[in-house]
Amino acid sequence: MTVLTLIEERGRAQLVELKNGETFNGHLVACDNFMNLTIKEVYQTSADGERFWKLPEAYIRGNNIKYIRVAEQ
């Protein structure tokens, strides 16, 4: 997924998995050229899948991202 494609998906639900196994589910607010993401209304899941956190907003560095899945509308 290119940065331009990701920018077009602002406001849509995203699932972001990090290289350490944690996942973030939320709505994309912003993305920069380094694929750093700001997402809102976030549900964070630990790598083992046993702990969950609800966050108003999260900032994710692009070099930590394993993959991004955009929800279908």
Foldseek 3Di string as FASTA:
>chain_A
DAQVVVQVQAQFWKWWAFPQQKIKIFGWHDADNQRWTKGAQIWIADNVRPDIDTDGMDIGGSVGTPDMDTDDD
